[in-house]
C-alpha atoms as a PDB file:
ATOM      1  CA  GLN A   1      -0.094   0.210  -0.184  1.00  0.00           C
ATOM      2  CA  VAL A   2       0.991   3.686  -0.440  1.00  0.00           C
ATOM      3  CA  GLN A   3       3.326   4.901   2.494  1.00  0.00           C
ATOM      4  CA  LEU A   4       4.822   8.295   3.019  1.00  0.00           C
ATOM      5  CA  VAL A   5       7.029   8.548   5.815  1.00  0.00           C
ATOM      6  CA  GLU A   6       8.606  11.821   7.051  1.00  0.00           C
ATOM      7  CA  SER A   7      11.444  12.090   9.472  1.00  0.00           C
ATOM      8  CA  GLY A   8      14.110  14.602  10.438  1.00  0.00           C
ATOM      9  CA  GLY A   9      12.064  17.252  12.423  1.00  0.00           C
ATOM     10  CA  GLY A  10      13.138  18.489  15.829  1.00  0.00           C
ATOM     11  CA  LEU A  11      13.908  21.501  17.697  1.00  0.00           C
ATOM     12  CA  VAL A  12      16.378  24.039  16.258  1.00  0.00           C
ATOM     13  CA  GLN A  13      17.351  27.596  17.207  1.00  0.00           C
ATOM     14  CA  PRO A  14      16.304  30.638  15.076  1.00  0.00           C
ATOM     15  CA  GLY A  15      18.820  30.892  12.217  1.00  0.00           C
ATOM     16  CA  GLY A  16      19.494  27.173  12.291  1.00  0.00           C
ATOM     17  CA  SER A  17      18.955  24.529   9.727  1.00  0.00           C
ATOM     18  CA  LEU A  18      17.079  21.110   9.310  1.00  0.00           C
ATOM     19  CA  THR A  19      16.666  18.598   6.666  1.00  0.00           C
ATOM     20  CA  LEU A  20      13.403  16.705   6.407  1.00  0.00           C
ATOM     21  CA  SER A  21      13.162  13.390   4.460  1.00  0.00           C
ATOM     22  CA  CYS A  22      10.202  11.445   3.256  1.00  0.00           C
ATOM     23  CA  ALA A  23      10.392   7.896   2.185  1.00  0.00           C
ATOM     24  CA  ALA A  24       7.675   6.952  -0.345  1.00  0.00           C
ATOM     25  CA  SER A  25       6.331   3.464  -1.337  1.00  0.00           C
ATOM     26  CA  GLY A  26       3.468   1.948  -3.157  1.00  0.00           C
ATOM     27  CA  PHE A  27       3.157   4.160  -6.103  1.00  0.00           C
ATOM     28  CA  PRO A  28       5.350   5.013  -9.257  1.00  0.00           C
ATOM     29  CA  PHE A  29       7.431   7.622  -7.442  1.00  0.00           C
ATOM     30  CA  SER A  30       9.573   8.790 -10.370  1.00  0.00           C
ATOM     31  CA  ILE A  31       6.609  10.057 -12.310  1.00  0.00           C
ATOM     32  CA  VAL A  32       4.697  11.707  -9.354  1.00  0.00           C
ATOM     33  CA  ASP A  33       4.986  15.297  -8.319  1.00  0.00           C
ATOM     34  CA  MET A  34       5.887  15.455  -4.716  1.00  0.00           C
ATOM     35  CA  SER A  35       5.278  18.234  -2.213  1.00  0.00           C
ATOM     36  CA  TRP A  36       5.814  19.346   1.305  1.00  0.00           C
ATOM     37  CA  PHE A  37       2.948  21.184   3.350  1.00  0.00           C
ATOM     38  CA  ARG A  38       3.077  22.429   6.876  1.00  0.00           C
ATOM     39  CA  ARG A  39       0.491  23.136   9.419  1.00  0.00           C
ATOM     40  CA  ALA A  40       1.250  25.598  12.133  1.00  0.00           C
ATOM     41  CA  PRO A  41      -0.481  25.460  15.622  1.00  0.00           C
ATOM     42  CA  GLY A  42      -3.905  27.182  15.065  1.00  0.00           C
ATOM     43  CA  LEU A  43      -3.639  27.739  11.348  1.00  0.00           C
ATOM     44  CA  GLU A  44      -4.741  25.974   8.168  1.00  0.00           C
ATOM     45  CA  ARG A  45      -2.359  23.735   6.182  1.00  0.00           C
ATOM     46  CA  GLU A  46      -0.162  25.590   3.963  1.00  0.00           C
ATOM     47  CA  TRP A  47       1.738  24.521   0.778  1.00  0.00           C
ATOM     48  CA  VAL A  48       5.614  24.968   1.136  1.00  0.00           C
ATOM     49  CA  ALA A  49       7.067  23.363  -2.021  1.00  0.00           C
ATOM     50  CA  THR A  50       6.727  21.150  -4.873  1.00  0.00           C
ATOM     51  CA  ILE A  51       9.085  19.165  -7.213  1.00  0.00           C
ATOM     52  CA  GLY A  52       7.855  17.916 -10.431  1.00  0.00           C
ATOM     53  CA  ALA A  53       8.460  14.454 -12.169  1.00  0.00           C
ATOM     54  CA  PRO A  54      10.056  13.574 -14.214  1.00  0.00           C
ATOM     55  CA  ALA A  55      11.557  17.098 -14.978  1.00  0.00           C
ATOM     56  CA  PRO A  56      12.410  18.262 -11.515  1.00  0.00           C
ATOM     57  CA  ASN A  57      11.070  21.831 -11.774  1.00  0.00           C
ATOM     58  CA  LYS A  58      10.763  23.460  -8.290  1.00  0.00           C
ATOM     59  CA  ASN A  59       8.294  25.692  -6.926  1.00  0.00           C
ATOM     60  CA  TYR A  60       8.162  27.421  -3.389  1.00  0.00           C
ATOM     61  CA  ALA A  61       5.920  29.518  -1.342  1.00  0.00           C
ATOM     62  CA  ASP A  62       6.974  33.125  -1.026  1.00  0.00           C
ATOM     63  CA  SER A  63       7.406  32.675   2.672  1.00  0.00           C
ATOM     64  CA  VAL A  64      10.235  30.041   2.027  1.00  0.00           C
ATOM     65  CA  LYS A  65      11.677  31.005  -0.991  1.00  0.00           C
ATOM     66  CA  GLY A  66      15.353  31.570  -0.923  1.00  0.00           C
ATOM     67  CA  ARG A  67      15.510  29.568   2.505  1.00  0.00           C
ATOM     68  CA  PHE A  68      14.297  26.346   1.624  1.00  0.00           C
ATOM     69  CA  THR A  69      15.228  23.688  -1.092  1.00  0.00           C
ATOM     70  CA  ILE A  70      13.184  20.662  -2.231  1.00  0.00           C
ATOM     71  CA  ALA A  71      15.049  17.736  -3.781  1.00  0.00           C
ATOM     72  CA  ARG A  72      14.288  14.160  -4.738  1.00  0.00           C
ATOM     73  CA  ASP A  73      16.185  11.092  -5.151  1.00  0.00           C
ATOM     74  CA  ASN A  74      14.215   8.634  -7.600  1.00  0.00           C
ATOM     75  CA  THR A  75      16.484   5.796  -7.074  1.00  0.00           C
ATOM     76  CA  LYS A  76      15.841   6.006  -3.211  1.00  0.00           C
ATOM     77  CA  ARG A  77      12.320   6.932  -3.628  1.00  0.00           C
ATOM     78  CA  MET A  78      12.974  10.038  -1.243  1.00  0.00           C
ATOM     79  CA  VAL A  79      12.060  13.461  -1.210  1.00  0.00           C
ATOM     80  CA  TYR A  80      13.750  16.164   0.912  1.00  0.00           C
ATOM     81  CA  LEU A  81      13.239  19.567   2.229  1.00  0.00           C
ATOM     82  CA  GLN A  82      16.446  21.561   3.128  1.00  0.00           C
ATOM     83  CA  MET A  83      15.459  24.265   5.612  1.00  0.00           C
ATOM     84  CA  ASN A  84      17.875  27.108   6.197  1.00  0.00           C
ATOM     85  CA  SER A  85      17.672  30.445   8.110  1.00  0.00           C
ATOM     86  CA  LEU A  86      14.772  29.010  10.223  1.00  0.00           C
ATOM     87  CA  GLU A  87      12.534  31.329  11.915  1.00  0.00           C
ATOM     88  CA  PRO A  88      10.055  30.882  14.782  1.00  0.00           C
ATOM     89  CA  ASP A  89       7.138  31.297  12.139  1.00  0.00           C
ATOM     90  CA  ASP A  90       8.381  28.007  10.612  1.00  0.00           C
ATOM     91  CA  THR A  91       7.354  26.127  13.552  1.00  0.00           C
ATOM     92  CA  ALA A  92       4.718  23.484  12.419  1.00  0.00           C
ATOM     93  CA  VAL A  93       4.174  19.990  11.434  1.00  0.00           C
ATOM     94  CA  TYR A  94       5.586  19.334   8.020  1.00  0.00           C
ATOM     95  CA  PHE A  95       3.828  16.815   5.717  1.00  0.00           C
ATOM     96  CA  CYS A  96       4.945  15.157   2.575  1.00  0.00           C
ATOM     97  CA  SER A  97       2.272  14.539  -0.218  1.00  0.00           C
ATOM     98  CA  GLY A  98       2.232  12.871  -3.374  1.00  0.00           C
ATOM     99  CA  ALA A  99      -0.384  10.824  -5.786  1.00  0.00           C
ATOM    100  CA  GLY A 100      -3.024  12.308  -3.398  1.00  0.00           C
ATOM    101  CA  PHE A 101      -1.639  10.675  -0.295  1.00  0.00           C
ATOM    102  CA  TRP A 102      -0.068  12.255   2.951  1.00  0.00           C
ATOM    103  CA  GLY A 103       2.197  11.297   5.636  1.00  0.00           C
ATOM    104  CA  GLN A 104       1.926  11.438   9.070  1.00  0.00           C
ATOM    105  CA  GLY A 105       3.959  14.523   9.542  1.00  0.00           C
ATOM    106  CA  THR A 106       7.246  15.527  11.351  1.00  0.00           C
ATOM    107  CA  GLN A 107       7.321  18.282  13.918  1.00  0.00           C
ATOM    108  CA  VAL A 108       9.758  21.264  13.378  1.00  0.00           C
ATOM    109  CA  THR A 109      10.159  23.708  16.312  1.00  0.00           C
ATOM    110  CA  VAL A 110      12.050  26.878  15.841  1.00  0.00           C
ATOM    111  CA  SER A 111      12.788  28.472  19.369  1.00  0.00           C
ATOM    112  CA  SER A 112      15.537  29.588  21.434  1.00  0.00           C
END
């Protein structure tokens, strides 16, 4: 069955970096656009970034552009989100999504 499993979240100080990973299985990963979303406390889920397939075009929300980088490894069936210059407003549960499916999410907390 389809599985999307995120990892890599944690607590980081403002200005710090984290890399999130998402392991995908159960669907033709290499031809599916993959996205990251996030949901901050008390707010709606927000789109963060998308990487296309098979051509790896990338798109980002304005709030993360220039700080976050999405990447994929089709051989490993993995999608990544490199997050730099993290801010307290980046605190959220981050979700991986593709083929209409969602992972369980991984918590990112940016705090001093």
